[in-house]
Amino acid sequence: MVVFLLLILAAVVLGIIGAVVKGLFYLLIIGCVLVAAALVFGVVRLRHPQQRQR
């Protein structure tokens, strides 16, 4: 869950920087790719829950 939230946070930060700063449009694209990766990661983790070993 922590990895998912960190990916979303990084995507939001990169997206904001990429949208605001002139000439850094590629950061917005990287942010969009990170959102897609986070969603795929979240769906995979949701469908295949990992059992905790003690």
C-alpha atoms as a PDB file:
ATOM      1  CA  MET A   1       0.000   0.000   0.000  1.00  0.00           C
ATOM      2  CA  VAL A   2       2.861   2.347   0.775  1.00  0.00           C
ATOM      3  CA  VAL A   3       4.402   1.799  -2.653  1.00  0.00           C
ATOM      4  CA  PHE A   4       1.083   2.576  -4.320  1.00  0.00           C
ATOM      5  CA  LEU A   5       0.696   5.828  -2.407  1.00  0.00           C
ATOM      6  CA  LEU A   6       4.293   6.862  -3.105  1.00  0.00           C
ATOM      7  CA  LEU A   7       3.785   6.265  -6.834  1.00  0.00           C
ATOM      8  CA  ILE A   8       0.632   8.371  -6.824  1.00  0.00           C
ATOM      9  CA  LEU A   9       2.338  11.149  -4.850  1.00  0.00           C
ATOM     10  CA  ALA A  10       5.336  11.177  -7.203  1.00  0.00           C
ATOM     11  CA  ALA A  11       3.015  11.281 -10.215  1.00  0.00           C
ATOM     12  CA  VAL A  12       1.097  14.241  -8.820  1.00  0.00           C
ATOM     13  CA  VAL A  13       4.270  16.186  -8.011  1.00  0.00           C
ATOM     14  CA  LEU A  14       5.824  15.504 -11.420  1.00  0.00           C
ATOM     15  CA  GLY A  15       2.559  16.359 -13.139  1.00  0.00           C
ATOM     16  CA  ILE A  16       2.258  19.702 -11.359  1.00  0.00           C
ATOM     17  CA  ILE A  17       5.876  20.624 -12.064  1.00  0.00           C
ATOM     18  CA  GLY A  18       5.550  19.531 -15.682  1.00  0.00           C
ATOM     19  CA  ALA A  19       2.381  21.552 -16.193  1.00  0.00           C
ATOM     20  CA  VAL A  20       3.629  24.733 -14.516  1.00  0.00           C
ATOM     21  CA  VAL A  21       7.276  25.032 -15.560  1.00  0.00           C
ATOM     22  CA  LYS A  22       7.821  25.991 -19.169  1.00  0.00           C
ATOM     23  CA  GLY A  23       9.889  23.452 -21.102  1.00  0.00           C
ATOM     24  CA  LEU A  24       9.353  20.548 -18.695  1.00  0.00           C
ATOM     25  CA  PHE A  25       6.373  18.969 -20.445  1.00  0.00           C
ATOM     26  CA  TYR A  26       8.173  15.624 -20.337  1.00  0.00           C
ATOM     27  CA  LEU A  27       7.678  15.583 -16.554  1.00  0.00           C
ATOM     28  CA  LEU A  28       3.929  15.743 -17.107  1.00  0.00           C
ATOM     29  CA  ILE A  29       4.205  12.750 -19.434  1.00  0.00           C
ATOM     30  CA  ILE A  30       6.289  10.854 -16.853  1.00  0.00           C
ATOM     31  CA  GLY A  31       3.653  11.696 -14.218  1.00  0.00           C
ATOM     32  CA  CYS A  32       0.914  10.257 -16.434  1.00  0.00           C
ATOM     33  CA  VAL A  33       2.952   7.086 -16.971  1.00  0.00           C
ATOM     34  CA  LEU A  34       3.463   6.783 -13.207  1.00  0.00           C
ATOM     35  CA  VAL A  35      -0.287   7.076 -12.601  1.00  0.00           C
ATOM     36  CA  ALA A  36      -0.911   4.283 -15.101  1.00  0.00           C
ATOM     37  CA  ALA A  37       1.800   2.145 -13.489  1.00  0.00           C
ATOM     38  CA  ALA A  38       0.373   2.758 -10.021  1.00  0.00           C
ATOM     39  CA  LEU A  39      -3.102   1.759 -11.167  1.00  0.00           C
ATOM     40  CA  VAL A  40      -1.809  -1.437 -12.756  1.00  0.00           C
ATOM     41  CA  PHE A  41       0.204  -2.189  -9.617  1.00  0.00           C
ATOM     42  CA  GLY A  42      -2.859  -1.581  -7.439  1.00  0.00           C
ATOM     43  CA  VAL A  43      -5.093  -3.834  -9.542  1.00  0.00           C
ATOM     44  CA  VAL A  44      -2.520  -6.641  -9.538  1.00  0.00           C
ATOM     45  CA  ARG A  45      -2.123  -6.406  -5.762  1.00  0.00           C
ATOM     46  CA  LEU A  46      -5.898  -6.340  -5.310  1.00  0.00           C
ATOM     47  CA  ARG A  47      -6.493  -9.421  -7.460  1.00  0.00           C
ATOM     48  CA  HIS A  48      -3.633 -11.465  -5.995  1.00  0.00           C
ATOM     49  CA  PRO A  49      -3.429 -10.743  -2.282  1.00  0.00           C
ATOM     50  CA  GLN A  50      -0.109 -11.663  -0.789  1.00  0.00           C
ATOM     51  CA  GLN A  51      -0.216 -13.801   2.322  1.00  0.00           C
ATOM     52  CA  ARG A  52       1.928 -12.540   5.157  1.00  0.00           C
ATOM     53  CA  GLN A  53       4.442 -14.962   6.524  1.00  0.00           C
ATOM     54  CA  ARG A  54       5.370 -14.823  10.180  1.00  0.00           C
END
